[in-house]
């Protein structure tokens, strides 16, 4: 699993901003030819999924108002290579955004 901790203070205001982040990340992945689906809401946050040849890749956005948020990338089946590609894309997208600041995990 790949995890990227980030700070995005504008997200803390309201849950609809959190969904907008998930939709924005999906759109950014689509622009990089990563066929992301979603977002769907879950217990920990918002999730995107990517169908791979031999499995699935999942991007989970864990959004907190009391500390760094996280983008977690994991996979099921034999989709490790695709998951690594998705992780690289997510890291580049977050690093390039002026609204998001990547931070070191605690």
N, C-alpha and C. Protein backbone atom coordinates (compact mmCIF):
# COMPACT_ATOMS: atom_id res chain seq x y z
N UNK A 1 0.85 -1.17 0.00
CA UNK A 1 0.00 0.00 0.00
C UNK A 1 0.89 1.24 0.00
N UNK A 2 0.50 2.25 -0.73
CA UNK A 2 1.17 3.54 -0.78
C UNK A 2 0.28 4.53 -0.04
N UNK A 3 0.89 5.37 0.79
CA UNK A 3 0.13 6.37 1.54
C UNK A 3 0.82 7.72 1.39
N UNK A 4 0.03 8.72 1.06
CA UNK A 4 0.51 10.09 0.95
C UNK A 4 -0.27 10.94 1.94
N UNK A 5 0.43 11.54 2.89
CA UNK A 5 -0.20 12.44 3.84
C UNK A 5 -0.19 13.84 3.24
N UNK A 6 -1.31 14.55 3.41
CA UNK A 6 -1.37 15.90 2.87
C UNK A 6 -2.26 16.77 3.75
N UNK A 7 -2.05 18.05 3.65
CA UNK A 7 -2.83 19.03 4.36
C UNK A 7 -3.62 19.82 3.33
N UNK A 8 -4.91 19.99 3.59
CA UNK A 8 -5.76 20.75 2.67
C UNK A 8 -6.81 21.48 3.51
N UNK A 9 -6.43 22.59 4.15
CA UNK A 9 -7.31 23.29 5.08
C UNK A 9 -8.67 23.67 4.51
N UNK A 10 -8.75 23.95 3.22
CA UNK A 10 -10.03 24.34 2.63
C UNK A 10 -11.05 23.21 2.68
N UNK A 11 -10.60 21.97 2.87
CA UNK A 11 -11.51 20.83 2.90
C UNK A 11 -12.25 20.69 4.22
N UNK A 12 -11.75 21.32 5.25
CA UNK A 12 -12.30 21.09 6.58
C UNK A 12 -13.64 21.79 6.79
N UNK A 13 -13.99 22.70 5.93
CA UNK A 13 -15.19 23.51 6.13
C UNK A 13 -16.48 22.70 6.07
N UNK A 14 -16.60 21.81 5.11
CA UNK A 14 -17.88 21.11 4.94
C UNK A 14 -17.67 19.81 4.18
N UNK A 15 -18.52 18.81 4.46
CA UNK A 15 -18.39 17.51 3.78
C UNK A 15 -18.48 17.60 2.26
N UNK A 16 -19.26 18.55 1.73
CA UNK A 16 -19.36 18.64 0.27
C UNK A 16 -18.03 19.03 -0.36
N UNK A 17 -17.19 19.74 0.39
CA UNK A 17 -15.85 20.04 -0.13
C UNK A 17 -15.01 18.78 -0.22
N UNK A 18 -15.23 17.86 0.70
CA UNK A 18 -14.51 16.59 0.67
C UNK A 18 -14.88 15.80 -0.58
N UNK A 19 -16.15 15.78 -0.91
CA UNK A 19 -16.57 15.07 -2.12
C UNK A 19 -15.98 15.75 -3.35
N UNK A 20 -15.92 17.07 -3.34
CA UNK A 20 -15.33 17.79 -4.47
C UNK A 20 -13.87 17.40 -4.67
N UNK A 21 -13.15 17.18 -3.58
CA UNK A 21 -11.76 16.74 -3.70
C UNK A 21 -11.70 15.38 -4.38
N UNK A 22 -12.58 14.47 -3.99
CA UNK A 22 -12.59 13.14 -4.60
C UNK A 22 -12.93 13.22 -6.09
N UNK A 23 -13.90 14.06 -6.44
CA UNK A 23 -14.27 14.23 -7.85
C UNK A 23 -13.10 14.87 -8.61
N UNK A 24 -12.47 15.87 -8.01
CA UNK A 24 -11.32 16.53 -8.63
C UNK A 24 -10.19 15.53 -8.87
N UNK A 25 -9.89 14.70 -7.87
CA UNK A 25 -8.82 13.71 -8.04
C UNK A 25 -9.18 12.72 -9.14
N UNK A 26 -10.42 12.28 -9.18
CA UNK A 26 -10.85 11.38 -10.26
C UNK A 26 -10.63 12.03 -11.61
N UNK A 27 -11.05 13.29 -11.74
CA UNK A 27 -10.90 13.99 -13.02
C UNK A 27 -9.43 14.17 -13.41
N UNK A 28 -8.58 14.43 -12.41
CA UNK A 28 -7.15 14.56 -12.68
C UNK A 28 -6.56 13.22 -13.13
N UNK A 29 -7.00 12.13 -12.52
CA UNK A 29 -6.54 10.80 -12.94
C UNK A 29 -7.02 10.49 -14.36
N UNK A 30 -8.27 10.82 -14.66
CA UNK A 30 -8.79 10.60 -16.01
C UNK A 30 -7.98 11.38 -17.03
N UNK A 31 -7.57 12.60 -16.69
CA UNK A 31 -6.76 13.41 -17.60
C UNK A 31 -5.39 12.78 -17.85
N UNK A 32 -4.96 11.92 -16.94
CA UNK A 32 -3.67 11.21 -17.11
C UNK A 32 -3.90 9.79 -17.64
N UNK A 33 -5.06 9.55 -18.23
CA UNK A 33 -5.42 8.26 -18.81
C UNK A 33 -5.49 7.13 -17.79
N UNK A 34 -5.82 7.47 -16.55
CA UNK A 34 -6.07 6.45 -15.51
C UNK A 34 -7.59 6.37 -15.37
N UNK A 35 -8.20 5.25 -15.76
CA UNK A 35 -9.66 5.14 -15.81
C UNK A 35 -10.31 4.97 -14.43
N UNK A 36 -10.27 6.02 -13.64
CA UNK A 36 -10.81 5.98 -12.28
C UNK A 36 -12.33 6.08 -12.29
N UNK A 37 -12.95 5.31 -11.42
CA UNK A 37 -14.41 5.31 -11.24
C UNK A 37 -14.73 5.82 -9.85
N UNK A 38 -15.89 6.41 -9.71
CA UNK A 38 -16.31 6.88 -8.40
C UNK A 38 -16.47 8.39 -8.43
N UNK A 39 -16.54 8.98 -7.29
CA UNK A 39 -16.21 8.47 -5.96
C UNK A 39 -17.41 7.82 -5.27
N UNK A 40 -17.07 6.94 -4.35
CA UNK A 40 -18.06 6.35 -3.45
C UNK A 40 -17.64 6.71 -2.04
N UNK A 41 -18.62 6.89 -1.17
CA UNK A 41 -18.31 7.20 0.21
C UNK A 41 -18.24 5.92 1.02
N UNK A 42 -17.40 5.94 2.04
CA UNK A 42 -17.24 4.78 2.91
C UNK A 42 -17.06 5.21 4.34
N UNK A 43 -16.71 4.27 5.20
CA UNK A 43 -16.55 4.56 6.62
C UNK A 43 -15.41 5.55 6.89
N UNK A 44 -14.33 5.45 6.14
CA UNK A 44 -13.16 6.28 6.40
C UNK A 44 -13.06 7.51 5.52
N UNK A 45 -13.77 7.53 4.42
CA UNK A 45 -13.66 8.67 3.51
C UNK A 45 -14.25 8.36 2.15
N UNK A 46 -13.66 8.91 1.12
CA UNK A 46 -14.12 8.74 -0.24
C UNK A 46 -13.17 7.81 -0.99
N UNK A 47 -13.74 6.97 -1.85
CA UNK A 47 -12.93 5.98 -2.57
C UNK A 47 -13.13 6.10 -4.07
N UNK A 48 -12.04 5.85 -4.79
CA UNK A 48 -12.05 5.71 -6.24
C UNK A 48 -11.56 4.31 -6.55
N UNK A 49 -11.99 3.76 -7.67
CA UNK A 49 -11.51 2.44 -8.07
C UNK A 49 -11.08 2.47 -9.53
N UNK A 50 -10.10 1.62 -9.82
CA UNK A 50 -9.56 1.51 -11.17
C UNK A 50 -9.51 0.04 -11.52
N UNK A 51 -10.17 -0.33 -12.60
CA UNK A 51 -10.10 -1.71 -13.07
C UNK A 51 -8.74 -1.95 -13.71
N UNK A 52 -8.08 -3.03 -13.30
CA UNK A 52 -6.80 -3.42 -13.88
C UNK A 52 -6.99 -4.73 -14.63
N UNK A 53 -5.99 -5.14 -15.38
CA UNK A 53 -6.09 -6.37 -16.16
C UNK A 53 -6.37 -7.58 -15.28
N UNK A 54 -5.68 -7.66 -14.14
CA UNK A 54 -5.81 -8.83 -13.27
C UNK A 54 -6.21 -8.46 -11.85
N UNK A 55 -7.06 -7.45 -11.71
CA UNK A 55 -7.50 -7.06 -10.37
C UNK A 55 -8.04 -5.64 -10.36
N UNK A 56 -7.91 -4.99 -9.23
CA UNK A 56 -8.41 -3.64 -9.03
C UNK A 56 -7.41 -2.83 -8.24
N UNK A 57 -7.44 -1.51 -8.47
CA UNK A 57 -6.67 -0.57 -7.67
C UNK A 57 -7.68 0.33 -6.98
N UNK A 58 -7.42 0.63 -5.72
CA UNK A 58 -8.31 1.46 -4.93
C UNK A 58 -7.55 2.68 -4.43
N UNK A 59 -8.20 3.83 -4.48
CA UNK A 59 -7.66 5.05 -3.91
C UNK A 59 -8.65 5.48 -2.83
N UNK A 60 -8.20 5.50 -1.59
CA UNK A 60 -9.04 5.91 -0.48
C UNK A 60 -8.54 7.25 0.04
N UNK A 61 -9.44 8.23 0.10
CA UNK A 61 -9.12 9.54 0.66
C UNK A 61 -9.67 9.58 2.07
N UNK A 62 -8.77 9.60 3.04
CA UNK A 62 -9.14 9.71 4.45
C UNK A 62 -8.98 11.17 4.82
N UNK A 63 -10.11 11.85 5.02
CA UNK A 63 -10.10 13.29 5.22
C UNK A 63 -10.44 13.60 6.68
N UNK A 64 -9.52 14.28 7.34
CA UNK A 64 -9.67 14.59 8.76
C UNK A 64 -9.65 16.10 8.97
N UNK A 65 -10.29 16.54 10.04
CA UNK A 65 -10.23 17.95 10.38
C UNK A 65 -9.26 18.21 11.53
N UNK A 66 -8.59 17.16 12.02
CA UNK A 66 -7.71 17.32 13.17
C UNK A 66 -6.28 16.86 12.89
N UNK A 67 -5.90 16.82 11.64
CA UNK A 67 -4.55 16.39 11.30
C UNK A 67 -4.44 16.14 9.82
N UNK A 68 -3.31 15.64 9.39
CA UNK A 68 -3.12 15.41 7.96
C UNK A 68 -4.14 14.41 7.39
N UNK A 69 -4.56 14.70 6.19
CA UNK A 69 -5.41 13.78 5.44
C UNK A 69 -4.49 12.75 4.78
N UNK A 70 -5.08 11.70 4.24
CA UNK A 70 -4.28 10.68 3.58
C UNK A 70 -4.93 10.24 2.28
N UNK A 71 -4.09 9.96 1.31
CA UNK A 71 -4.50 9.27 0.09
C UNK A 71 -3.81 7.92 0.15
N UNK A 72 -4.61 6.86 0.26
CA UNK A 72 -4.06 5.50 0.35
C UNK A 72 -4.37 4.76 -0.95
N UNK A 73 -3.34 4.17 -1.52
CA UNK A 73 -3.51 3.41 -2.75
C UNK A 73 -3.19 1.96 -2.44
N UNK A 74 -4.12 1.08 -2.76
CA UNK A 74 -3.94 -0.34 -2.51
C UNK A 74 -4.50 -1.10 -3.72
N UNK A 75 -4.31 -2.39 -3.73
CA UNK A 75 -4.77 -3.16 -4.87
C UNK A 75 -5.28 -4.53 -4.42
N UNK A 76 -6.05 -5.15 -5.30
CA UNK A 76 -6.53 -6.52 -5.10
C UNK A 76 -6.17 -7.31 -6.35
N UNK A 77 -5.91 -8.58 -6.17
CA UNK A 77 -5.50 -9.41 -7.29
C UNK A 77 -4.05 -9.16 -7.64
N UNK A 78 -3.74 -9.26 -8.91
CA UNK A 78 -2.36 -9.10 -9.38
C UNK A 78 -2.17 -7.74 -10.03
N UNK A 79 -2.64 -6.69 -9.37
CA UNK A 79 -2.59 -5.34 -9.95
C UNK A 79 -1.51 -4.46 -9.33
N UNK A 80 -0.43 -5.07 -8.87
CA UNK A 80 0.62 -4.30 -8.19
C UNK A 80 1.27 -3.27 -9.11
N UNK A 81 1.54 -3.64 -10.34
CA UNK A 81 2.18 -2.71 -11.28
C UNK A 81 1.26 -1.53 -11.55
N UNK A 82 -0.02 -1.81 -11.79
CA UNK A 82 -0.98 -0.74 -12.02
C UNK A 82 -1.12 0.14 -10.79
N UNK A 83 -1.09 -0.46 -9.59
CA UNK A 83 -1.19 0.30 -8.35
C UNK A 83 -0.01 1.24 -8.20
N UNK A 84 1.17 0.78 -8.56
CA UNK A 84 2.35 1.65 -8.48
C UNK A 84 2.22 2.83 -9.44
N UNK A 85 1.70 2.58 -10.63
CA UNK A 85 1.47 3.66 -11.60
C UNK A 85 0.45 4.66 -11.06
N UNK A 86 -0.62 4.16 -10.46
CA UNK A 86 -1.65 5.04 -9.88
C UNK A 86 -1.05 5.84 -8.73
N UNK A 87 -0.25 5.20 -7.89
CA UNK A 87 0.38 5.90 -6.77
C UNK A 87 1.27 7.04 -7.27
N UNK A 88 2.04 6.80 -8.32
CA UNK A 88 2.89 7.84 -8.89
C UNK A 88 2.04 9.00 -9.42
N UNK A 89 0.93 8.67 -10.07
CA UNK A 89 0.05 9.71 -10.61
C UNK A 89 -0.59 10.52 -9.48
N UNK A 90 -1.07 9.85 -8.43
CA UNK A 90 -1.69 10.55 -7.30
C UNK A 90 -0.67 11.47 -6.63
N UNK A 91 0.53 10.98 -6.41
CA UNK A 91 1.56 11.81 -5.78
C UNK A 91 1.85 13.06 -6.64
N UNK A 92 1.97 12.89 -7.94
CA UNK A 92 2.24 14.02 -8.83
C UNK A 92 1.08 15.02 -8.83
N UNK A 93 -0.14 14.52 -8.82
CA UNK A 93 -1.32 15.39 -8.81
C UNK A 93 -1.37 16.20 -7.52
N UNK A 94 -1.19 15.53 -6.39
CA UNK A 94 -1.23 16.23 -5.10
C UNK A 94 -0.10 17.24 -4.99
N UNK A 95 1.09 16.87 -5.45
CA UNK A 95 2.24 17.77 -5.36
C UNK A 95 2.06 19.01 -6.24
N UNK A 96 1.34 18.88 -7.34
CA UNK A 96 1.16 20.00 -8.26
C UNK A 96 0.02 20.94 -7.87
N UNK A 97 -0.83 20.53 -6.96
CA UNK A 97 -2.00 21.34 -6.61
C UNK A 97 -1.63 22.45 -5.63
N UNK A 98 -2.04 23.68 -5.91
CA UNK A 98 -1.76 24.77 -4.97
C UNK A 98 -2.62 24.70 -3.70
N UNK A 99 -3.71 23.92 -3.73
CA UNK A 99 -4.61 23.81 -2.58
C UNK A 99 -4.21 22.70 -1.62
N UNK A 100 -3.24 21.90 -2.02
CA UNK A 100 -2.84 20.73 -1.23
C UNK A 100 -1.35 20.84 -0.94
N UNK A 101 -0.97 20.48 0.29
CA UNK A 101 0.45 20.46 0.65
C UNK A 101 0.79 19.07 1.16
N UNK A 102 1.68 18.38 0.45
CA UNK A 102 2.12 17.07 0.90
C UNK A 102 2.94 17.24 2.19
N UNK A 103 2.71 16.36 3.16
CA UNK A 103 3.45 16.41 4.41
C UNK A 103 4.02 15.04 4.71
N UNK A 104 5.03 15.01 5.55
CA UNK A 104 5.61 13.74 5.97
C UNK A 104 4.65 13.07 6.95
N UNK A 105 4.41 11.77 6.81
CA UNK A 105 3.57 11.08 7.78
C UNK A 105 4.19 11.11 9.17
N UNK A 106 3.34 11.13 10.18
CA UNK A 106 3.83 11.17 11.57
C UNK A 106 4.41 9.84 11.98
